[in-house]
Amino acid sequence: MGSDLGAIVSIFAVGVLGLVLAARMRRRGQAPVAYGTAALLCVVNPFTWEALRVGHAEEMLGGALCVGAVLAARRGRALGASVLLVGAGGLAATEWSVLVSVLAAAPLTALWWRSARRTPDDVLAVVALAFLVSGAFVPFLMALVAWEGLTRRGLPFASLLSSAAVFNPLLAVPVAVWLAVRLYVPSRKLPRLRAWPYAAPRVPAS
């Protein structure tokens, strides 16, 4: 795939992800400024700009495919999720950062699965943390924006802060610690995330 065509495909994929995320946030009652900011941040941020500048648009495409697969799986669309994961797997074979992120996700997911505070949407936070520890900042930000947008009210402040890590990677450390605490530290004092609103309807008692 040529560099120009690859950049166009990657930008298109990230744009679609932003629109899908905005639609999900809107259905969850988020304000227009919140889902508009989240959608825009998926596409326009210092990391995507840097990826395009240095010719690594594949990171954008890999991140969009991974996060899109999680969103599809959360809606019960197994076929769509599988197709997106196969695409991400193909990129992992050629992109070292994506491959490392996939490998990092295994132990992080195993720890998360044992957590008593596990919620379905937190898988996006696990994906974000896996990308972060492997240094794949572009897909990290996409996953973080999706997690914040679907689980927290208002603007995605942690994602906005993380986007500045392109200037200094140490700025992402507090976000990494926050994600780790939220995922793995058992504490009833921390607020629980809202339940997924697409649960099956209850059958009235006869």
Protein backbone atom coordinates (compact mmCIF):
# COMPACT_ATOMS: atom_id res chain seq x y z
CA MET A 1 0.00 0.00 0.00
CA GLY A 2 1.45 3.38 -1.01
CA SER A 3 2.10 5.95 1.65
CA ASP A 4 -0.49 8.40 0.31
CA LEU A 5 -3.17 5.73 -0.06
CA GLY A 6 -2.32 4.33 3.36
CA ALA A 7 -2.69 7.77 4.93
CA ILE A 8 -6.07 8.30 3.24
CA VAL A 9 -7.36 4.89 4.37
CA SER A 10 -6.10 5.49 7.92
CA ILE A 11 -7.69 8.93 8.19
CA PHE A 12 -10.97 7.53 6.85
CA ALA A 13 -10.92 4.67 9.39
CA VAL A 14 -10.23 7.02 12.29
CA GLY A 15 -12.97 9.36 11.09
CA VAL A 16 -15.48 6.51 11.01
CA LEU A 17 -14.41 5.51 14.53
CA GLY A 18 -14.99 9.08 15.72
CA LEU A 19 -18.49 9.14 14.21
CA VAL A 20 -19.40 5.76 15.71
CA LEU A 21 -18.13 6.84 19.11
CA ALA A 22 -20.06 10.12 18.92
CA ALA A 23 -23.25 8.22 18.09
CA ARG A 24 -22.75 5.87 21.04
CA MET A 25 -22.08 8.79 23.39
CA ARG A 26 -25.16 10.62 22.13
CA ARG A 27 -27.33 7.59 22.85
CA ARG A 28 -25.91 7.51 26.36
CA GLY A 29 -27.05 11.05 27.00
CA GLN A 30 -23.77 12.89 26.56
CA ALA A 31 -23.90 16.56 25.62
CA PRO A 32 -23.06 17.60 22.04
CA VAL A 33 -19.90 19.35 23.19
CA ALA A 34 -18.71 16.12 24.82
CA TYR A 35 -19.30 13.73 21.93
CA GLY A 36 -18.23 16.35 19.41
CA THR A 37 -14.93 16.82 21.25
CA ALA A 38 -14.38 13.08 21.53
CA ALA A 39 -15.03 12.50 17.82
CA LEU A 40 -12.75 15.36 16.84
CA LEU A 41 -10.02 14.23 19.22
CA CYS A 42 -9.93 10.79 17.61
CA VAL A 43 -8.89 12.40 14.33
CA VAL A 44 -7.25 15.70 15.19
CA ASN A 45 -4.57 15.40 17.86
CA PRO A 46 -0.78 15.76 18.05
CA PHE A 47 -0.23 11.99 17.82
CA THR A 48 -2.08 11.49 14.55
CA TRP A 49 -0.36 14.55 13.11
CA GLU A 50 3.04 13.15 14.08
CA ALA A 51 2.16 9.70 12.72
CA LEU A 52 1.26 11.21 9.36
CA ARG A 53 4.36 13.40 9.37
CA VAL A 54 6.79 10.52 9.89
CA GLY A 55 4.91 8.12 7.63
CA HIS A 56 3.40 5.79 10.24
CA ALA A 57 -0.26 6.13 9.38
CA GLU A 58 -0.60 2.36 9.99
CA GLU A 59 -0.72 3.07 13.73
CA MET A 60 -3.87 5.10 13.15
CA LEU A 61 -5.46 2.29 11.17
CA GLY A 62 -4.43 -0.35 13.71
CA GLY A 63 -5.85 1.68 16.58
CA ALA A 64 -9.12 2.32 14.77
CA LEU A 65 -9.50 -1.39 13.95
CA CYS A 66 -8.77 -2.52 17.53
CA VAL A 67 -11.08 -0.02 19.19
CA GLY A 68 -13.73 -0.61 16.54
CA ALA A 69 -13.55 -4.34 17.21
CA VAL A 70 -14.19 -3.77 20.91
CA LEU A 71 -17.15 -1.49 20.18
CA ALA A 72 -18.59 -4.01 17.74
CA ALA A 73 -18.20 -6.85 20.24
CA ARG A 74 -19.94 -4.79 22.93
CA ARG A 75 -22.97 -4.53 20.65
CA GLY A 76 -22.96 -8.27 20.03
CA ARG A 77 -21.73 -7.97 16.45
CA ALA A 78 -19.38 -10.92 16.48
CA LEU A 79 -18.82 -11.02 12.72
CA GLY A 80 -17.92 -7.35 12.50
CA ALA A 81 -15.62 -7.61 15.49
CA SER A 82 -13.91 -10.65 13.98
CA VAL A 83 -13.31 -8.90 10.67
CA LEU A 84 -11.83 -5.87 12.41
CA LEU A 85 -9.63 -8.05 14.59
CA VAL A 86 -8.35 -9.95 11.56
CA GLY A 87 -7.43 -6.62 9.99
CA ALA A 88 -5.67 -5.52 13.16
CA GLY A 89 -3.89 -8.87 13.30
CA GLY A 90 -2.62 -8.35 9.77
CA LEU A 91 -1.16 -5.01 10.79
CA ALA A 92 0.37 -6.58 13.90
CA ALA A 93 2.42 -8.83 11.65
CA THR A 94 4.07 -5.80 10.06
CA GLU A 95 3.86 -3.10 12.73
CA TRP A 96 6.09 -3.77 15.74
CA SER A 97 4.23 -1.38 18.06
CA VAL A 98 0.89 -3.03 17.34
CA LEU A 99 2.37 -6.50 17.88
CA VAL A 100 3.89 -5.48 21.22
CA SER A 101 0.55 -4.01 22.27
CA VAL A 102 -1.23 -7.27 21.49
CA LEU A 103 1.30 -9.19 23.57
CA ALA A 104 1.00 -6.69 26.44
CA ALA A 105 -2.78 -6.98 26.41
CA ALA A 106 -2.71 -10.66 27.42
CA PRO A 107 -1.42 -10.27 31.03
CA LEU A 108 -3.30 -7.01 31.53
CA THR A 109 -6.54 -8.68 30.46
CA ALA A 110 -5.88 -11.69 32.70
CA LEU A 111 -5.42 -9.39 35.71
CA TRP A 112 -8.50 -7.38 34.80
CA TRP A 113 -10.59 -10.53 34.44
CA ARG A 114 -9.83 -11.41 38.08
CA SER A 115 -10.80 -7.96 39.33
CA ALA A 116 -13.99 -7.66 41.36
CA ARG A 117 -14.51 -4.17 39.93
CA ARG A 118 -14.61 -5.40 36.35
CA THR A 119 -17.24 -3.78 34.12
CA PRO A 120 -17.83 -4.51 30.42
CA ASP A 121 -16.73 -1.10 29.19
CA ASP A 122 -13.43 -1.37 31.06
CA VAL A 123 -12.03 -3.54 28.30
CA LEU A 124 -11.41 -0.28 26.45
CA ALA A 125 -9.30 0.92 29.37
CA VAL A 126 -7.33 -2.34 29.25
CA VAL A 127 -6.71 -1.82 25.54
CA ALA A 128 -5.64 1.77 26.19
CA LEU A 129 -3.22 0.70 28.92
CA ALA A 130 -1.75 -2.04 26.70
CA PHE A 131 -1.10 0.44 23.92
CA LEU A 132 0.39 2.93 26.36
CA VAL A 133 2.89 0.56 27.98
CA SER A 134 4.05 -0.54 24.53
CA GLY A 135 4.56 3.05 23.41
CA ALA A 136 1.82 3.02 20.74
CA PHE A 137 0.47 6.48 21.60
CA VAL A 138 -1.84 6.93 18.61
CA PRO A 139 -4.08 3.89 19.29
CA PHE A 140 -3.71 4.50 23.05
CA LEU A 141 -5.41 7.85 22.69
CA MET A 142 -8.21 6.39 20.57
CA ALA A 143 -8.96 3.70 23.14
CA LEU A 144 -8.78 6.20 25.99
CA VAL A 145 -11.15 8.61 24.26
CA ALA A 146 -13.61 5.77 23.65
CA TRP A 147 -13.44 4.60 27.27
CA GLU A 148 -13.86 8.09 28.70
CA GLY A 149 -16.63 8.95 26.30
CA LEU A 150 -18.68 5.88 27.18
CA THR A 151 -18.10 5.79 30.93
CA ARG A 152 -17.65 9.37 32.15
CA ARG A 153 -19.81 12.46 31.83
CA GLY A 154 -18.51 15.62 30.21
CA LEU A 155 -15.38 16.35 28.24
CA PRO A 156 -12.67 13.65 28.00
CA PHE A 157 -10.17 15.55 30.14
CA ALA A 158 -7.75 12.64 30.59
CA SER A 159 -7.61 12.18 26.85
CA LEU A 160 -7.01 15.88 26.30
CA LEU A 161 -4.18 15.76 28.83
CA SER A 162 -2.72 12.65 27.23
CA SER A 163 -2.66 14.27 23.80
CA ALA A 164 -0.03 16.66 25.17
CA ALA A 165 2.27 13.70 25.88
CA VAL A 166 3.58 14.03 22.34
CA PHE A 167 5.63 16.92 23.67
CA ASN A 168 6.67 15.08 26.84
CA PRO A 169 5.87 11.36 27.32
CA LEU A 170 6.01 11.80 31.10
CA LEU A 171 2.67 13.58 30.88
CA ALA A 172 1.08 10.19 30.19
CA VAL A 173 2.37 8.70 33.46
CA PRO A 174 -0.47 10.07 35.67
CA VAL A 175 -3.01 8.73 33.17
CA ALA A 176 -1.34 5.30 33.20
CA VAL A 177 -1.42 5.24 37.01
CA TRP A 178 -5.06 6.34 37.02
CA LEU A 179 -6.02 3.59 34.57
CA ALA A 180 -4.14 0.96 36.56
CA VAL A 181 -5.81 2.03 39.81
CA ARG A 182 -9.23 2.07 38.18
CA LEU A 183 -8.75 -1.38 36.69
CA TYR A 184 -6.87 -3.31 39.34
CA VAL A 185 -7.12 -1.69 42.77
CA PRO A 186 -10.13 -3.01 44.73
CA SER A 187 -11.68 -0.05 46.49
CA ARG A 188 -15.34 0.62 47.20
CA LYS A 189 -14.59 4.29 47.68
CA LEU A 190 -13.88 4.78 44.00
CA PRO A 191 -16.95 5.54 41.86
CA ARG A 192 -18.31 2.72 39.79
CA LEU A 193 -18.89 3.21 36.08
CA ARG A 194 -22.39 3.30 34.69
CA ALA A 195 -23.83 0.02 33.53
CA TRP A 196 -24.06 -0.73 29.84
CA PRO A 197 -27.50 0.54 28.75
CA TYR A 198 -28.06 -2.07 26.06
CA ALA A 199 -28.86 -4.95 28.38
CA ALA A 200 -31.66 -7.30 27.38
CA PRO A 201 -35.08 -6.09 28.58
CA ARG A 202 -36.60 -7.79 31.57
CA VAL A 203 -39.51 -10.14 30.97
CA PRO A 204 -42.51 -9.08 33.11
CA ALA A 205 -43.72 -11.60 35.61
CA SER A 206 -46.89 -13.39 34.61
